[in-house]
Amino acid sequence: MFGKKRKTRADRERELQRKAAARKVKAEEPSGYDRLTDEQKKEEDFLFLMDDIDDFDQHH
């Protein structure tokens, strides 16, 4: 009724801690390729190689 409660210093500290923790977790998360299993990586590499070969064939 009287508006929003003001943030205290403790509230701001907690928010900063939460954001820092979230950034840390995101940094530790593997990228798309790294998340794949070995079998999936082989398949991805194979497909990538096949695309390269197709490109080479088209240009030569």
PDB file of N, CA and C in Angstrom:
ATOM      1  N   MET A   1       0.825  -1.192   0.000  1.00  0.00           N
ATOM      2  CA  MET A   1       0.000   0.000   0.000  1.00  0.00           C
ATOM      3  C   MET A   1       0.869   1.256   0.000  1.00  0.00           C
ATOM      4  N   PHE A   2       2.006   1.204   0.685  1.00  0.00           N
ATOM      5  CA  PHE A   2       2.844   2.391   0.760  1.00  0.00           C
ATOM      6  C   PHE A   2       4.037   2.337  -0.200  1.00  0.00           C
ATOM      7  N   GLY A   3       3.997   1.446  -1.172  1.00  0.00           N
ATOM      8  CA  GLY A   3       5.096   1.347  -2.128  1.00  0.00           C
ATOM      9  C   GLY A   3       6.034   0.206  -1.788  1.00  0.00           C
ATOM     10  N   LYS A   4       7.076   0.112  -2.593  1.00  0.00           N
ATOM     11  CA  LYS A   4       8.021  -0.993  -2.453  1.00  0.00           C
ATOM     12  C   LYS A   4       8.923  -0.809  -1.247  1.00  0.00           C
ATOM     13  N   LYS A   5       9.263  -1.925  -0.628  1.00  0.00           N
ATOM     14  CA  LYS A   5      10.210  -1.903   0.482  1.00  0.00           C
ATOM     15  C   LYS A   5      11.591  -1.581  -0.099  1.00  0.00           C
ATOM     16  N   ARG A   6      12.321  -0.711   0.553  1.00  0.00           N
ATOM     17  CA  ARG A   6      13.660  -0.373   0.078  1.00  0.00           C
ATOM     18  C   ARG A   6      14.615  -1.536   0.298  1.00  0.00           C
ATOM     19  N   LYS A   7      15.539  -1.680  -0.633  1.00  0.00           N
ATOM     20  CA  LYS A   7      16.540  -2.732  -0.473  1.00  0.00           C
ATOM     21  C   LYS A   7      17.539  -2.321   0.598  1.00  0.00           C
ATOM     22  N   THR A   8      17.835  -3.247   1.461  1.00  0.00           N
ATOM     23  CA  THR A   8      18.857  -2.985   2.477  1.00  0.00           C
ATOM     24  C   THR A   8      20.205  -3.391   1.894  1.00  0.00           C
ATOM     25  N   ARG A   9      21.250  -3.058   2.593  1.00  0.00           N
ATOM     26  CA  ARG A   9      22.579  -3.450   2.155  1.00  0.00           C
ATOM     27  C   ARG A   9      22.666  -4.982   2.065  1.00  0.00           C
ATOM     28  N   ALA A  10      22.078  -5.682   3.032  1.00  0.00           N
ATOM     29  CA  ALA A  10      22.092  -7.149   3.046  1.00  0.00           C
ATOM     30  C   ALA A  10      21.391  -7.702   1.808  1.00  0.00           C
ATOM     31  N   ASP A  11      20.267  -7.082   1.413  1.00  0.00           N
ATOM     32  CA  ASP A  11      19.550  -7.517   0.213  1.00  0.00           C
ATOM     33  C   ASP A  11      20.441  -7.389  -1.021  1.00  0.00           C
ATOM     34  N   ARG A  12      21.141  -6.247  -1.119  1.00  0.00           N
ATOM     35  CA  ARG A  12      22.029  -6.034  -2.266  1.00  0.00           C
ATOM     36  C   ARG A  12      23.180  -7.030  -2.257  1.00  0.00           C
ATOM     37  N   GLU A  13      23.739  -7.297  -1.075  1.00  0.00           N
ATOM     38  CA  GLU A  13      24.831  -8.271  -0.954  1.00  0.00           C
ATOM     39  C   GLU A  13      24.378  -9.654  -1.424  1.00  0.00           C
ATOM     40  N   ARG A  14      23.189 -10.071  -0.964  1.00  0.00           N
ATOM     41  CA  ARG A  14      22.650 -11.382  -1.354  1.00  0.00           C
ATOM     42  C   ARG A  14      22.462 -11.465  -2.866  1.00  0.00           C
ATOM     43  N   GLU A  15      21.960 -10.393  -3.444  1.00  0.00           N
ATOM     44  CA  GLU A  15      21.731 -10.375  -4.885  1.00  0.00           C
ATOM     45  C   GLU A  15      23.061 -10.496  -5.645  1.00  0.00           C
ATOM     46  N   LEU A  16      24.080  -9.777  -5.185  1.00  0.00           N
ATOM     47  CA  LEU A  16      25.389  -9.855  -5.822  1.00  0.00           C
ATOM     48  C   LEU A  16      25.972 -11.260  -5.700  1.00  0.00           C
ATOM     49  N   GLN A  17      25.819 -11.877  -4.526  1.00  0.00           N
ATOM     50  CA  GLN A  17      26.314 -13.242  -4.317  1.00  0.00           C
ATOM     51  C   GLN A  17      25.620 -14.209  -5.278  1.00  0.00           C
ATOM     52  N   ARG A  18      24.296 -14.051  -5.405  1.00  0.00           N
ATOM     53  CA  ARG A  18      23.505 -14.925  -6.270  1.00  0.00           C
ATOM     54  C   ARG A  18      23.949 -14.782  -7.728  1.00  0.00           C
ATOM     55  N   LYS A  19      24.131 -13.531  -8.168  1.00  0.00           N
ATOM     56  CA  LYS A  19      24.551 -13.294  -9.554  1.00  0.00           C
ATOM     57  C   LYS A  19      25.951 -13.854  -9.810  1.00  0.00           C
ATOM     58  N   ALA A  20      26.851 -13.676  -8.846  1.00  0.00           N
ATOM     59  CA  ALA A  20      28.214 -14.186  -8.995  1.00  0.00           C
ATOM     60  C   ALA A  20      28.200 -15.708  -9.081  1.00  0.00           C
ATOM     61  N   ALA A  21      27.383 -16.347  -8.255  1.00  0.00           N
ATOM     62  CA  ALA A  21      27.283 -17.808  -8.270  1.00  0.00           C
ATOM     63  C   ALA A  21      26.726 -18.274  -9.614  1.00  0.00           C
ATOM     64  N   ALA A  22      25.741 -17.572 -10.127  1.00  0.00           N
ATOM     65  CA  ALA A  22      25.133 -17.938 -11.410  1.00  0.00           C
ATOM     66  C   ALA A  22      26.159 -17.813 -12.535  1.00  0.00           C
ATOM     67  N   ARG A  23      26.971 -16.768 -12.504  1.00  0.00           N
ATOM     68  CA  ARG A  23      28.016 -16.583 -13.525  1.00  0.00           C
ATOM     69  C   ARG A  23      29.035 -17.712 -13.444  1.00  0.00           C
ATOM     70  N   LYS A  24      29.403 -18.101 -12.229  1.00  0.00           N
ATOM     71  CA  LYS A  24      30.400 -19.154 -12.034  1.00  0.00           C
ATOM     72  C   LYS A  24      29.883 -20.475 -12.609  1.00  0.00           C
ATOM     73  N   VAL A  25      28.627 -20.793 -12.335  1.00  0.00           N
ATOM     74  CA  VAL A  25      28.030 -22.030 -12.846  1.00  0.00           C
ATOM     75  C   VAL A  25      28.021 -22.011 -14.370  1.00  0.00           C
ATOM     76  N   LYS A  26      27.653 -20.869 -14.941  1.00  0.00           N
ATOM     77  CA  LYS A  26      27.588 -20.758 -16.402  1.00  0.00           C
ATOM     78  C   LYS A  26      28.974 -20.945 -17.008  1.00  0.00           C
ATOM     79  N   ALA A  27      29.995 -20.407 -16.367  1.00  0.00           N
ATOM     80  CA  ALA A  27      31.360 -20.518 -16.882  1.00  0.00           C
ATOM     81  C   ALA A  27      31.845 -21.971 -16.851  1.00  0.00           C
ATOM     82  N   GLU A  28      31.390 -22.741 -15.870  1.00  0.00           N
ATOM     83  CA  GLU A  28      31.831 -24.131 -15.747  1.00  0.00           C
ATOM     84  C   GLU A  28      31.066 -25.071 -16.673  1.00  0.00           C
ATOM     85  N   GLU A  29      29.928 -24.596 -17.181  1.00  0.00           N
ATOM     86  CA  GLU A  29      29.110 -25.439 -18.051  1.00  0.00           C
ATOM     87  C   GLU A  29      29.805 -25.628 -19.398  1.00  0.00           C
ATOM     88  N   PRO A  30      29.907 -26.846 -19.886  1.00  0.00           N
ATOM     89  CA  PRO A  30      30.598 -27.061 -21.164  1.00  0.00           C
ATOM     90  C   PRO A  30      29.801 -26.482 -22.334  1.00  0.00           C
ATOM     91  N   SER A  31      30.510 -26.114 -23.381  1.00  0.00           N
ATOM     92  CA  SER A  31      29.830 -25.591 -24.561  1.00  0.00           C
ATOM     93  C   SER A  31      29.111 -26.730 -25.279  1.00  0.00           C
ATOM     94  N   GLY A  32      28.375 -26.415 -26.311  1.00  0.00           N
ATOM     95  CA  GLY A  32      27.572 -27.399 -27.017  1.00  0.00           C
ATOM     96  C   GLY A  32      28.339 -28.645 -27.452  1.00  0.00           C
ATOM     97  N   TYR A  33      29.486 -28.443 -28.100  1.00  0.00           N
ATOM     98  CA  TYR A  33      30.262 -29.586 -28.605  1.00  0.00           C
ATOM     99  C   TYR A  33      30.813 -30.418 -27.448  1.00  0.00           C
ATOM    100  N   ASP A  34      31.314 -29.755 -26.412  1.00  0.00           N
ATOM    101  CA  ASP A  34      31.919 -30.467 -25.281  1.00  0.00           C
ATOM    102  C   ASP A  34      30.903 -31.312 -24.520  1.00  0.00           C
ATOM    103  N   ARG A  35      29.641 -30.956 -24.632  1.00  0.00           N
ATOM    104  CA  ARG A  35      28.593 -31.679 -23.911  1.00  0.00           C
ATOM    105  C   ARG A  35      28.248 -33.013 -24.585  1.00  0.00           C
ATOM    106  N   LEU A  36      28.631 -33.158 -25.848  1.00  0.00           N
ATOM    107  CA  LEU A  36      28.296 -34.377 -26.588  1.00  0.00           C
ATOM    108  C   LEU A  36      29.094 -35.573 -26.077  1.00  0.00           C
ATOM    109  N   THR A  37      28.533 -36.749 -26.272  1.00  0.00           N
ATOM    110  CA  THR A  37      29.265 -37.977 -25.928  1.00  0.00           C
ATOM    111  C   THR A  37      30.314 -38.213 -27.012  1.00  0.00           C
ATOM    112  N   ASP A  38      31.240 -39.123 -26.772  1.00  0.00           N
ATOM    113  CA  ASP A  38      32.283 -39.418 -27.760  1.00  0.00           C
ATOM    114  C   ASP A  38      31.675 -39.882 -29.084  1.00  0.00           C
ATOM    115  N   GLU A  39      30.638 -40.705 -28.975  1.00  0.00           N
ATOM    116  CA  GLU A  39      29.988 -41.225 -30.188  1.00  0.00           C
ATOM    117  C   GLU A  39      29.390 -40.074 -31.002  1.00  0.00           C
ATOM    118  N   GLN A  40      28.729 -39.142 -30.304  1.00  0.00           N
ATOM    119  CA  GLN A  40      28.124 -37.995 -30.994  1.00  0.00           C
ATOM    120  C   GLN A  40      29.200 -37.101 -31.606  1.00  0.00           C
ATOM    121  N   LYS A  41      30.336 -36.975 -30.910  1.00  0.00           N
ATOM    122  CA  LYS A  41      31.434 -36.154 -31.437  1.00  0.00           C
ATOM    123  C   LYS A  41      31.970 -36.751 -32.737  1.00  0.00           C
ATOM    124  N   LYS A  42      32.114 -38.083 -32.761  1.00  0.00           N
ATOM    125  CA  LYS A  42      32.595 -38.754 -33.983  1.00  0.00           C
ATOM    126  C   LYS A  42      31.645 -38.456 -35.135  1.00  0.00           C
ATOM    127  N   GLU A  43      30.350 -38.541 -34.846  1.00  0.00           N
ATOM    128  CA  GLU A  43      29.348 -38.295 -35.886  1.00  0.00           C
ATOM    129  C   GLU A  43      29.419 -36.848 -36.372  1.00  0.00           C
ATOM    130  N   GLU A  44      29.532 -35.896 -35.422  1.00  0.00           N
ATOM    131  CA  GLU A  44      29.639 -34.480 -35.781  1.00  0.00           C
ATOM    132  C   GLU A  44      30.881 -34.237 -36.640  1.00  0.00           C
ATOM    133  N   ASP A  45      32.005 -34.807 -36.210  1.00  0.00           N
ATOM    134  CA  ASP A  45      33.251 -34.624 -36.956  1.00  0.00           C
ATOM    135  C   ASP A  45      33.128 -35.214 -38.366  1.00  0.00           C
ATOM    136  N   PHE A  46      32.499 -36.366 -38.452  1.00  0.00           N
ATOM    137  CA  PHE A  46      32.311 -37.017 -39.745  1.00  0.00           C
ATOM    138  C   PHE A  46      31.459 -36.142 -40.672  1.00  0.00           C
ATOM    139  N   LEU A  47      30.349 -35.632 -40.134  1.00  0.00           N
ATOM    140  CA  LEU A  47      29.463 -34.788 -40.940  1.00  0.00           C
ATOM    141  C   LEU A  47      30.187 -33.522 -41.385  1.00  0.00           C
ATOM    142  N   PHE A  48      30.989 -32.953 -40.482  1.00  0.00           N
ATOM    143  CA  PHE A  48      31.748 -31.745 -40.794  1.00  0.00           C
ATOM    144  C   PHE A  48      32.735 -32.033 -41.930  1.00  0.00           C
ATOM    145  N   LEU A  49      33.408 -33.193 -41.839  1.00  0.00           N
ATOM    146  CA  LEU A  49      34.359 -33.607 -42.857  1.00  0.00           C
ATOM    147  C   LEU A  49      33.654 -33.811 -44.198  1.00  0.00           C
ATOM    148  N   MET A  50      32.486 -34.456 -44.159  1.00  0.00           N
ATOM    149  CA  MET A  50      31.725 -34.687 -45.390  1.00  0.00           C
ATOM    150  C   MET A  50      31.326 -33.362 -46.037  1.00  0.00           C
ATOM    151  N   ASP A  51      30.936 -32.385 -45.228  1.00  0.00           N
ATOM    152  CA  ASP A  51      30.604 -31.058 -45.763  1.00  0.00           C
ATOM    153  C   ASP A  51      31.820 -30.445 -46.445  1.00  0.00           C
ATOM    154  N   ASP A  52      32.978 -30.582 -45.805  1.00  0.00           N
ATOM    155  CA  ASP A  52      34.216 -30.060 -46.395  1.00  0.00           C
ATOM    156  C   ASP A  52      34.497 -30.711 -47.742  1.00  0.00           C
ATOM    157  N   ILE A  53      34.315 -32.026 -47.806  1.00  0.00           N
ATOM    158  CA  ILE A  53      34.564 -32.756 -49.051  1.00  0.00           C
ATOM    159  C   ILE A  53      33.586 -32.301 -50.136  1.00  0.00           C
ATOM    160  N   ASP A  54      32.316 -32.116 -49.756  1.00  0.00           N
ATOM    161  CA  ASP A  54      31.318 -31.625 -50.716  1.00  0.00           C
ATOM    162  C   ASP A  54      31.706 -30.251 -51.244  1.00  0.00           C
ATOM    163  N   ASP A  55      32.122 -29.363 -50.334  1.00  0.00           N
ATOM    164  CA  ASP A  55      32.537 -28.018 -50.744  1.00  0.00           C
ATOM    165  C   ASP A  55      33.715 -28.094 -51.704  1.00  0.00           C
ATOM    166  N   PHE A  56      34.674 -28.956 -51.390  1.00  0.00           N
ATOM    167  CA  PHE A  56      35.855 -29.129 -52.228  1.00  0.00           C
ATOM    168  C   PHE A  56      35.451 -29.618 -53.624  1.00  0.00           C
ATOM    169  N   ASP A  57      34.559 -30.615 -53.653  1.00  0.00           N
ATOM    170  CA  ASP A  57      34.104 -31.168 -54.942  1.00  0.00           C
ATOM    171  C   ASP A  57      33.400 -30.119 -55.784  1.00  0.00           C
ATOM    172  N   GLN A  58      32.625 -29.266 -55.149  1.00  0.00           N
ATOM    173  CA  GLN A  58      31.876 -28.253 -55.889  1.00  0.00           C
ATOM    174  C   GLN A  58      32.799 -27.193 -56.480  1.00  0.00           C
ATOM    175  N   HIS A  59      33.898 -26.946 -55.816  1.00  0.00           N
ATOM    176  CA  HIS A  59      34.786 -25.873 -56.279  1.00  0.00           C
ATOM    177  C   HIS A  59      35.927 -26.351 -57.156  1.00  0.00           C
ATOM    178  N   HIS A  60      36.064 -27.683 -57.336  1.00  0.00           N
ATOM    179  CA  HIS A  60      37.170 -28.198 -58.154  1.00  0.00           C
ATOM    180  C   HIS A  60      36.660 -29.094 -59.255  1.00  0.00           C
TER     181      HIS A  60
END
